[in-house]
Amino acid sequence: MKEQEMEKEEKVSKLQWFLFVIIIPLLFTITLALIITTIAGVNVFDIAKKYGADLPGISQLVGSKQPSSEQALKENMLEKQATLEEKTAQVKKLETEVKNKQSEIEALKKEIERLNAQLESQQQTDTSPTTEAKKLTVQDVAQMYGEMSPKNAAAIIPKMSDQEALNILAILGSEKAAAILEKMSPEEAAKYTALLTKAAQAANN
């Protein structure tokens, strides 16, 4: 029992000696050093953080910071803003493409209208009678007078110029022309007979 008590006393005495001789003076020295450096304007913690960041393992303990919630929120907002700007750019691009397509559509509509107008004009030209078709020849006119009664033809021909009347009577032939001359007055009949005679003589010469 005495030996156990002596061992306990030795352990207690060693612990007291370590506490009073090493721990307490060391703590006092550290505290005093901190006070002196603080008064001198030196931040011991900043220095420890600076040199401790270069040491493996300690750099993770000293001065390490996790992004704050405010910083994370800011980064999230920046990311959302970048996405929004990208989407806005895409929308503007699509709007430009739509405007270009609308311009192309309008141009095509105008071209279609122009072609339709050109086609209608062409159709009207094709269906309308030509100038040559509408133009009557002297033979056609003479034929009309040949189909008239001699009396009616005799009333109309003197109203024409001498050349027009001569052309019609010459084309009608002697029999039809004689029937018409019979229905004219003697003066008119003599006049056109003389014209026909001159035309025949000129043709023979």
C-alpha atoms as a PDB file:
ATOM      1  CA  MET A   1       0.000   0.000   0.000  1.00  0.00           C
ATOM      2  CA  LYS A   2       2.812   2.369   0.911  1.00  0.00           C
ATOM      3  CA  GLU A   3       4.520   1.659  -2.392  1.00  0.00           C
ATOM      4  CA  GLN A   4       1.348   2.511  -4.344  1.00  0.00           C
ATOM      5  CA  GLU A   5       0.885   5.714  -2.407  1.00  0.00           C
ATOM      6  CA  MET A   6       4.493   6.637  -3.061  1.00  0.00           C
ATOM      7  CA  GLU A   7       4.058   6.034  -6.796  1.00  0.00           C
ATOM      8  CA  LYS A   8       0.942   8.215  -6.847  1.00  0.00           C
ATOM      9  CA  GLU A   9       2.762  10.970  -5.010  1.00  0.00           C
ATOM     10  CA  GLU A  10       5.664  10.772  -7.471  1.00  0.00           C
ATOM     11  CA  LYS A  11       3.267  11.052 -10.438  1.00  0.00           C
ATOM     12  CA  VAL A  12       1.468  14.015  -8.898  1.00  0.00           C
ATOM     13  CA  SER A  13       4.745  15.701  -8.078  1.00  0.00           C
ATOM     14  CA  LYS A  14       6.004  15.214 -11.663  1.00  0.00           C
ATOM     15  CA  LEU A  15       2.763  16.569 -13.072  1.00  0.00           C
ATOM     16  CA  GLN A  16       2.934  19.573 -10.785  1.00  0.00           C
ATOM     17  CA  TRP A  17       6.575  20.102 -11.707  1.00  0.00           C
ATOM     18  CA  PHE A  18       5.732  19.943 -15.487  1.00  0.00           C
ATOM     19  CA  LEU A  19       2.798  22.300 -14.979  1.00  0.00           C
ATOM     20  CA  PHE A  20       4.640  24.899 -12.908  1.00  0.00           C
ATOM     21  CA  VAL A  21       7.994  24.670 -14.593  1.00  0.00           C
ATOM     22  CA  ILE A  22       7.016  24.308 -18.308  1.00  0.00           C
ATOM     23  CA  ILE A  23       3.339  24.929 -19.059  1.00  0.00           C
ATOM     24  CA  ILE A  24       2.658  27.987 -16.929  1.00  0.00           C
ATOM     25  CA  PRO A  25       5.875  29.837 -17.891  1.00  0.00           C
ATOM     26  CA  LEU A  26       5.246  28.955 -21.568  1.00  0.00           C
ATOM     27  CA  LEU A  27       1.711  30.297 -21.462  1.00  0.00           C
ATOM     28  CA  PHE A  28       2.909  33.398 -19.676  1.00  0.00           C
ATOM     29  CA  THR A  29       5.623  33.917 -22.262  1.00  0.00           C
ATOM     30  CA  ILE A  30       3.186  33.486 -25.166  1.00  0.00           C
ATOM     31  CA  THR A  31       0.677  35.856 -23.587  1.00  0.00           C
ATOM     32  CA  LEU A  32       3.367  38.443 -22.952  1.00  0.00           C
ATOM     33  CA  ALA A  33       4.641  38.116 -26.514  1.00  0.00           C
ATOM     34  CA  LEU A  34       1.141  38.594 -27.907  1.00  0.00           C
ATOM     35  CA  ILE A  35       0.642  41.700 -25.795  1.00  0.00           C
ATOM     36  CA  ILE A  36       3.969  43.179 -26.872  1.00  0.00           C
ATOM     37  CA  THR A  37       3.428  42.451 -30.589  1.00  0.00           C
ATOM     38  CA  THR A  38      -0.111  43.807 -30.441  1.00  0.00           C
ATOM     39  CA  ILE A  39       1.138  47.035 -28.869  1.00  0.00           C
ATOM     40  CA  ALA A  40       3.847  47.191 -31.533  1.00  0.00           C
ATOM     41  CA  GLY A  41       1.139  46.946 -34.269  1.00  0.00           C
ATOM     42  CA  VAL A  42       2.055  43.463 -35.444  1.00  0.00           C
ATOM     43  CA  ASN A  43      -0.817  41.037 -36.134  1.00  0.00           C
ATOM     44  CA  VAL A  44       0.557  37.674 -35.095  1.00  0.00           C
ATOM     45  CA  PHE A  45      -2.483  35.844 -36.444  1.00  0.00           C
ATOM     46  CA  ASP A  46      -2.037  37.310 -39.933  1.00  0.00           C
ATOM     47  CA  ILE A  47       1.614  36.278 -39.927  1.00  0.00           C
ATOM     48  CA  ALA A  48       0.738  32.787 -38.753  1.00  0.00           C
ATOM     49  CA  LYS A  49      -1.928  32.586 -41.460  1.00  0.00           C
ATOM     50  CA  LYS A  50       0.545  33.737 -44.127  1.00  0.00           C
ATOM     51  CA  TYR A  51       3.303  31.254 -43.259  1.00  0.00           C
ATOM     52  CA  GLY A  52       0.915  28.478 -42.302  1.00  0.00           C
ATOM     53  CA  ALA A  53      -0.758  28.631 -45.736  1.00  0.00           C
ATOM     54  CA  ASP A  54       2.521  27.476 -47.288  1.00  0.00           C
ATOM     55  CA  LEU A  55       2.745  24.379 -45.083  1.00  0.00           C
ATOM     56  CA  PRO A  56       0.957  21.185 -46.196  1.00  0.00           C
ATOM     57  CA  GLY A  57      -1.982  20.366 -43.991  1.00  0.00           C
ATOM     58  CA  ILE A  58      -1.800  23.640 -42.094  1.00  0.00           C
ATOM     59  CA  SER A  59      -2.899  25.628 -45.132  1.00  0.00           C
ATOM     60  CA  GLN A  60      -6.212  23.798 -44.924  1.00  0.00           C
ATOM     61  CA  LEU A  61      -6.640  24.810 -41.288  1.00  0.00           C
ATOM     62  CA  VAL A  62      -5.232  28.330 -41.298  1.00  0.00           C
ATOM     63  CA  GLY A  63      -6.978  31.021 -43.281  1.00  0.00           C
ATOM     64  CA  SER A  64      -9.196  28.668 -45.281  1.00  0.00           C
ATOM     65  CA  LYS A  65     -12.548  30.137 -46.208  1.00  0.00           C
ATOM     66  CA  GLN A  66     -15.662  28.634 -47.626  1.00  0.00           C
ATOM     67  CA  PRO A  67     -17.676  30.763 -50.027  1.00  0.00           C
ATOM     68  CA  SER A  68     -20.231  32.703 -48.098  1.00  0.00           C
ATOM     69  CA  SER A  69     -23.911  32.484 -48.917  1.00  0.00           C
ATOM     70  CA  GLU A  70     -23.774  36.033 -50.290  1.00  0.00           C
ATOM     71  CA  GLN A  71     -20.936  35.160 -52.632  1.00  0.00           C
ATOM     72  CA  ALA A  72     -22.706  32.001 -53.745  1.00  0.00           C
ATOM     73  CA  LEU A  73     -25.852  34.031 -54.399  1.00  0.00           C
ATOM     74  CA  LYS A  74     -23.847  36.564 -56.402  1.00  0.00           C
ATOM     75  CA  GLU A  75     -22.251  33.840 -58.501  1.00  0.00           C
ATOM     76  CA  ASN A  76     -25.678  32.320 -59.088  1.00  0.00           C
ATOM     77  CA  MET A  77     -27.040  35.693 -60.192  1.00  0.00           C
ATOM     78  CA  LEU A  78     -24.120  36.192 -62.581  1.00  0.00           C
ATOM     79  CA  GLU A  79     -24.737  32.751 -64.041  1.00  0.00           C
ATOM     80  CA  LYS A  80     -28.439  33.496 -64.467  1.00  0.00           C
ATOM     81  CA  GLN A  81     -27.624  36.842 -66.085  1.00  0.00           C
ATOM     82  CA  ALA A  82     -25.234  35.190 -68.539  1.00  0.00           C
ATOM     83  CA  THR A  83     -27.924  32.643 -69.432  1.00  0.00           C
ATOM     84  CA  LEU A  84     -30.479  35.420 -69.866  1.00  0.00           C
ATOM     85  CA  GLU A  85     -28.159  37.377 -72.158  1.00  0.00           C
ATOM     86  CA  GLU A  86     -27.542  34.262 -74.223  1.00  0.00           C
ATOM     87  CA  LYS A  87     -31.268  33.590 -74.566  1.00  0.00           C
ATOM     88  CA  THR A  88     -31.890  37.250 -75.447  1.00  0.00           C
ATOM     89  CA  ALA A  89     -29.264  37.059 -78.185  1.00  0.00           C
ATOM     90  CA  GLN A  90     -30.922  33.914 -79.548  1.00  0.00           C
ATOM     91  CA  VAL A  91     -34.336  35.634 -79.553  1.00  0.00           C
ATOM     92  CA  LYS A  92     -32.928  38.639 -81.434  1.00  0.00           C
ATOM     93  CA  LYS A  93     -31.320  36.319 -83.954  1.00  0.00           C
ATOM     94  CA  LEU A  94     -34.630  34.511 -84.499  1.00  0.00           C
ATOM     95  CA  GLU A  95     -36.460  37.837 -84.849  1.00  0.00           C
ATOM     96  CA  THR A  96     -33.965  38.926 -87.509  1.00  0.00           C
ATOM     97  CA  GLU A  97     -34.440  35.639 -89.374  1.00  0.00           C
ATOM     98  CA  VAL A  98     -38.233  36.070 -89.223  1.00  0.00           C
ATOM     99  CA  LYS A  99     -37.967  39.616 -90.641  1.00  0.00           C
ATOM    100  CA  ASN A 100     -35.744  38.353 -93.454  1.00  0.00           C
ATOM    101  CA  LYS A 101     -38.231  35.581 -94.232  1.00  0.00           C
ATOM    102  CA  GLN A 102     -41.097  38.097 -94.232  1.00  0.00           C
ATOM    103  CA  SER A 103     -39.165  40.300 -96.666  1.00  0.00           C
ATOM    104  CA  GLU A 104     -38.590  37.306 -98.923  1.00  0.00           C
ATOM    105  CA  ILE A 105     -42.304  36.423 -98.743  1.00  0.00           C
ATOM    106  CA  GLU A 106     -43.308  39.987 -99.659  1.00  0.00           C
ATOM    107  CA  ALA A 107     -40.868  39.973-102.571  1.00  0.00           C
ATOM    108  CA  LEU A 108     -42.289  36.641-103.772  1.00  0.00           C
ATOM    109  CA  LYS A 109     -45.854  37.970-103.494  1.00  0.00           C
ATOM    110  CA  LYS A 110     -44.963  40.992-105.623  1.00  0.00           C
ATOM    111  CA  GLU A 111     -43.263  38.751-108.169  1.00  0.00           C
ATOM    112  CA  ILE A 112     -46.363  36.521-108.302  1.00  0.00           C
ATOM    113  CA  GLU A 113     -48.597  39.572-108.800  1.00  0.00           C
ATOM    114  CA  ARG A 114     -46.325  40.819-111.568  1.00  0.00           C
ATOM    115  CA  LEU A 115     -46.349  37.428-113.299  1.00  0.00           C
ATOM    116  CA  ASN A 116     -50.141  37.175-112.984  1.00  0.00           C
ATOM    117  CA  ALA A 117     -50.561  40.632-114.513  1.00  0.00           C
ATOM    118  CA  GLN A 118     -48.155  39.710-117.304  1.00  0.00           C
ATOM    119  CA  LEU A 119     -50.041  36.452-117.910  1.00  0.00           C
ATOM    120  CA  GLU A 120     -53.410  38.226-118.042  1.00  0.00           C
ATOM    121  CA  SER A 121     -52.009  40.787-120.461  1.00  0.00           C
ATOM    122  CA  GLN A 122     -50.617  38.012-122.628  1.00  0.00           C
ATOM    123  CA  GLN A 123     -53.950  36.183-122.604  1.00  0.00           C
ATOM    124  CA  GLN A 124     -55.793  39.350-123.635  1.00  0.00           C
ATOM    125  CA  THR A 125     -53.298  39.884-126.432  1.00  0.00           C
ATOM    126  CA  ASP A 126     -53.724  36.315-127.628  1.00  0.00           C
ATOM    127  CA  THR A 127     -57.537  36.428-127.574  1.00  0.00           C
ATOM    128  CA  SER A 128     -57.939  39.933-129.034  1.00  0.00           C
ATOM    129  CA  PRO A 129     -58.159  40.199-132.810  1.00  0.00           C
ATOM    130  CA  THR A 130     -55.033  41.472-134.507  1.00  0.00           C
ATOM    131  CA  THR A 131     -54.915  44.645-136.526  1.00  0.00           C
ATOM    132  CA  GLU A 132     -54.642  42.644-139.706  1.00  0.00           C
ATOM    133  CA  ALA A 133     -57.669  40.568-138.756  1.00  0.00           C
ATOM    134  CA  LYS A 134     -59.735  43.665-138.042  1.00  0.00           C
ATOM    135  CA  LYS A 135     -58.579  45.494-141.183  1.00  0.00           C
ATOM    136  CA  LEU A 136     -60.913  45.117-144.136  1.00  0.00           C
ATOM    137  CA  THR A 137     -59.435  44.868-147.602  1.00  0.00           C
ATOM    138  CA  VAL A 138     -60.826  46.581-150.719  1.00  0.00           C
ATOM    139  CA  GLN A 139     -61.965  43.169-151.908  1.00  0.00           C
ATOM    140  CA  ASP A 140     -63.992  42.716-148.684  1.00  0.00           C
ATOM    141  CA  VAL A 141     -65.648  46.104-149.178  1.00  0.00           C
ATOM    142  CA  ALA A 142     -66.373  45.360-152.831  1.00  0.00           C
ATOM    143  CA  GLN A 143     -67.868  42.021-151.833  1.00  0.00           C
ATOM    144  CA  MET A 144     -70.217  43.778-149.374  1.00  0.00           C
ATOM    145  CA  TYR A 145     -71.405  46.138-152.115  1.00  0.00           C
ATOM    146  CA  GLY A 146     -71.774  43.192-154.438  1.00  0.00           C
ATOM    147  CA  GLU A 147     -74.169  41.584-151.969  1.00  0.00           C
ATOM    148  CA  MET A 148     -76.242  44.768-151.739  1.00  0.00           C
ATOM    149  CA  SER A 149     -79.013  45.525-154.091  1.00  0.00           C
ATOM    150  CA  PRO A 150     -77.884  47.655-157.081  1.00  0.00           C
ATOM    151  CA  LYS A 151     -80.223  50.448-155.933  1.00  0.00           C
ATOM    152  CA  ASN A 152     -78.662  50.735-152.464  1.00  0.00           C
ATOM    153  CA  ALA A 153     -75.127  50.484-153.816  1.00  0.00           C
ATOM    154  CA  ALA A 154     -75.933  53.217-156.384  1.00  0.00           C
ATOM    155  CA  ALA A 155     -77.090  55.518-153.570  1.00  0.00           C
ATOM    156  CA  ILE A 156     -73.956  54.986-151.442  1.00  0.00           C
ATOM    157  CA  ILE A 157     -71.076  54.884-153.946  1.00  0.00           C
ATOM    158  CA  PRO A 158     -71.466  58.507-155.173  1.00  0.00           C
ATOM    159  CA  LYS A 159     -70.887  59.682-151.606  1.00  0.00           C
ATOM    160  CA  MET A 160     -67.319  58.195-151.707  1.00  0.00           C
ATOM    161  CA  SER A 161     -64.237  59.681-153.252  1.00  0.00           C
ATOM    162  CA  ASP A 162     -63.757  59.025-156.958  1.00  0.00           C
ATOM    163  CA  GLN A 163     -60.833  56.692-156.296  1.00  0.00           C
ATOM    164  CA  GLU A 164     -62.690  54.622-153.682  1.00  0.00           C
ATOM    165  CA  ALA A 165     -65.733  54.333-155.931  1.00  0.00           C
ATOM    166  CA  LEU A 166     -63.573  53.389-158.904  1.00  0.00           C
ATOM    167  CA  ASN A 167     -61.790  50.661-156.912  1.00  0.00           C
ATOM    168  CA  ILE A 168     -65.082  49.081-155.795  1.00  0.00           C
ATOM    169  CA  LEU A 169     -66.707  49.188-159.247  1.00  0.00           C
ATOM    170  CA  ALA A 170     -63.559  47.723-160.852  1.00  0.00           C
ATOM    171  CA  ILE A 171     -63.511  44.778-158.449  1.00  0.00           C
ATOM    172  CA  LEU A 172     -67.259  44.076-158.718  1.00  0.00           C
ATOM    173  CA  GLY A 173     -66.941  43.145-162.351  1.00  0.00           C
ATOM    174  CA  SER A 174     -68.763  44.435-165.424  1.00  0.00           C
ATOM    175  CA  GLU A 175     -72.136  42.777-164.791  1.00  0.00           C
ATOM    176  CA  LYS A 176     -72.534  43.941-161.158  1.00  0.00           C
ATOM    177  CA  ALA A 177     -71.043  47.367-161.927  1.00  0.00           C
ATOM    178  CA  ALA A 178     -73.492  47.824-164.849  1.00  0.00           C
ATOM    179  CA  ALA A 179     -76.447  46.986-162.598  1.00  0.00           C
ATOM    180  CA  ILE A 180     -75.332  49.620-160.111  1.00  0.00           C
ATOM    181  CA  LEU A 181     -74.684  52.269-162.786  1.00  0.00           C
ATOM    182  CA  GLU A 182     -78.252  51.752-164.078  1.00  0.00           C
ATOM    183  CA  LYS A 183     -79.633  52.853-160.697  1.00  0.00           C
ATOM    184  CA  MET A 184     -77.540  56.061-160.687  1.00  0.00           C
ATOM    185  CA  SER A 185     -78.468  59.358-162.242  1.00  0.00           C
ATOM    186  CA  PRO A 186     -77.264  59.853-165.817  1.00  0.00           C
ATOM    187  CA  GLU A 187     -74.637  62.355-164.686  1.00  0.00           C
ATOM    188  CA  GLU A 188     -73.228  59.995-162.012  1.00  0.00           C
ATOM    189  CA  ALA A 189     -73.338  56.999-164.342  1.00  0.00           C
ATOM    190  CA  ALA A 190     -71.471  58.968-167.044  1.00  0.00           C
ATOM    191  CA  LYS A 191     -68.903  60.124-164.545  1.00  0.00           C
ATOM    192  CA  TYR A 192     -68.058  56.632-163.213  1.00  0.00           C
ATOM    193  CA  THR A 193     -68.167  55.135-166.723  1.00  0.00           C
ATOM    194  CA  ALA A 194     -65.520  57.637-167.809  1.00  0.00           C
ATOM    195  CA  LEU A 195     -63.364  56.794-164.777  1.00  0.00           C
ATOM    196  CA  LEU A 196     -63.622  53.068-165.469  1.00  0.00           C
ATOM    197  CA  THR A 197     -62.667  53.634-169.118  1.00  0.00           C
ATOM    198  CA  LYS A 198     -59.537  55.620-168.167  1.00  0.00           C
ATOM    199  CA  ALA A 199     -58.520  52.966-165.628  1.00  0.00           C
ATOM    200  CA  ALA A 200     -58.912  50.216-168.251  1.00  0.00           C
ATOM    201  CA  GLN A 201     -56.871  52.151-170.815  1.00  0.00           C
ATOM    202  CA  ALA A 202     -54.122  52.785-168.253  1.00  0.00           C
ATOM    203  CA  ALA A 203     -54.014  49.120-167.387  1.00  0.00           C
ATOM    204  CA  ASN A 204     -53.755  48.111-171.041  1.00  0.00           C
ATOM    205  CA  ASN A 205     -50.908  50.536-171.700  1.00  0.00           C
END
